[in-house]
Protein backbone atom coordinates (compact mmCIF):
# COMPACT_ATOMS: atom_id res chain seq x y z
CA PRO A 1 41.36 7.57 26.41
CA SER A 2 39.00 9.76 24.36
CA ALA A 3 35.66 11.09 25.90
CA GLN A 4 33.67 8.92 23.47
CA ALA A 5 35.64 5.74 24.62
CA GLU A 6 35.25 6.65 28.25
CA ILE A 7 31.57 7.16 28.27
CA ALA A 8 30.99 4.12 26.16
CA THR A 9 32.01 2.17 29.18
CA ILE A 10 29.79 3.62 31.71
CA SER A 11 27.54 0.59 31.96
CA ALA A 12 30.50 -1.66 32.74
CA TYR A 13 30.90 -0.07 36.20
CA LYS A 14 28.83 -1.30 38.88
CA THR A 15 28.64 1.31 41.70
CA PRO A 16 27.00 4.83 41.21
CA ARG A 17 30.25 6.28 42.47
CA ASP A 18 32.33 4.41 39.80
CA LYS A 19 29.69 5.57 37.15
CA LEU A 20 30.09 9.31 38.26
CA GLN A 21 33.95 8.98 38.01
CA CYS A 22 33.38 7.78 34.33
CA VAL A 23 31.35 10.86 33.82
CA PHE A 24 33.87 13.04 35.34
CA ARG A 25 36.76 11.62 33.24
CA CYS A 26 34.65 12.11 30.08
CA ALA A 27 33.79 15.72 31.10
CA THR A 28 37.31 16.65 31.78
CA THR A 29 38.64 15.11 28.75
CA ILE A 30 36.12 17.23 26.72
CA MET A 31 37.22 20.42 28.76
CA ASN A 32 40.84 19.80 28.28
CA LEU A 33 40.28 19.45 24.53
CA LEU A 34 38.13 22.49 24.39
CA SER A 35 40.78 24.44 26.34
CA LEU A 36 43.36 23.55 23.66
CA ALA A 37 41.00 24.49 20.87
CA CYS A 38 39.64 27.70 22.46
CA ASP A 39 41.71 30.93 22.17
CA ARG A 40 39.24 33.23 24.04
CA GLY A 41 39.78 31.82 27.57
CA PRO A 42 38.82 28.89 29.53
CA PRO A 43 35.73 26.92 28.20
CA ALA A 44 32.40 27.23 29.96
CA ALA A 45 29.32 25.15 30.39
CA ASP A 46 27.93 26.71 27.27
CA ASP A 47 30.95 24.93 25.34
CA LEU A 48 30.72 21.59 27.15
CA VAL A 49 26.98 20.71 26.68
CA PRO A 50 27.00 20.64 22.87
CA VAL A 51 30.15 18.61 22.68
CA MET A 52 28.79 16.28 25.41
CA VAL A 53 25.66 15.82 23.31
CA TYR A 54 27.83 14.82 20.28
CA VAL A 55 30.02 12.61 22.28
CA LEU A 56 27.02 10.66 23.80
CA ILE A 57 25.42 10.39 20.42
CA LYS A 58 28.47 9.05 18.80
CA ALA A 59 29.35 6.70 21.62
CA ASN A 60 25.72 5.58 22.24
CA PRO A 61 26.36 3.85 25.55
CA PRO A 62 24.13 0.90 26.45
CA SER A 63 21.35 1.43 29.00
CA LEU A 64 22.17 5.00 29.47
CA LEU A 65 18.80 6.05 30.87
CA SER A 66 18.93 3.18 33.29
CA THR A 67 22.21 4.34 34.44
CA VAL A 68 21.13 7.86 35.00
CA GLN A 69 18.06 6.52 37.00
CA TYR A 70 20.30 4.23 39.11
CA VAL A 71 22.87 6.93 39.93
CA THR A 72 20.06 9.49 40.59
CA SER A 73 18.23 6.99 42.98
CA PHE A 74 21.17 5.67 44.95
CA TYR A 75 23.68 8.45 44.94
CA ALA A 76 21.95 11.91 44.17
CA ASN A 77 21.73 12.96 47.81
CA ARG A 78 25.54 12.46 48.13
CA LEU A 79 26.51 14.58 45.21
CA GLN A 80 28.16 17.87 45.84
CA GLY A 81 30.54 20.37 44.41
CA GLU A 82 32.43 19.53 41.27
CA GLU A 83 30.97 16.02 41.08
CA HIS A 84 27.44 17.43 41.29
CA TYR A 85 28.28 20.08 38.62
CA TRP A 86 29.51 17.48 36.11
CA TRP A 87 26.53 15.28 36.76
CA VAL A 88 24.07 18.14 36.11
CA GLN A 89 26.01 18.90 32.92
CA PHE A 90 25.84 15.24 31.77
CA CYS A 91 21.89 14.82 32.54
CA SER A 92 21.50 18.19 30.72
CA ALA A 93 23.15 16.66 27.65
CA ILE A 94 20.91 13.57 27.87
CA GLU A 95 17.79 15.65 28.42
CA PHE A 96 18.59 17.65 25.22
CA ILE A 97 18.98 14.42 23.14
CA LYS A 98 15.72 13.13 24.48
CA THR A 99 13.94 16.20 23.10
CA MET A 100 15.82 16.52 19.88
CA ASP A 101 13.78 16.54 16.57
CA TYR A 102 15.61 13.76 14.47
CA ILE A 103 15.33 14.66 10.85
CA THR A 104 16.56 12.10 8.16
CA THR A 105 18.13 13.23 5.00
CA ASP A 106 17.89 11.40 1.67
C-alpha cells in the first residue's frame, strides 16, 4: 500500500507495537520511493521528514496526537534501534506540523 494509505490506518491498530509497525511500514515505503527517485545516493532523514510531513497532512489520520501519546506512554521505554529511529522521525514530522504557520490563499 501507499505510505498515505498505510498511515491513515494507524488508529485501527490496538497495541502500541502494531501502531509502531504501521509507522515503520509507512517510513520504509517513503524511503523506498525516495531511493527510486534519488540519483545522489541513499536518502537520509533530511529527505524523509518533509515527505513524512506531506504524507501526514494528506492522510490526516484520526486521533494522531492521542496515538503518539499512547505509544509514548506505554511503549517508549522499549523502543530501540531502527524502531526507535523511525518513531523519532515520525514524531519530528508531527511536531513540525504542530508548529507550522497556515496561510490561506484566495
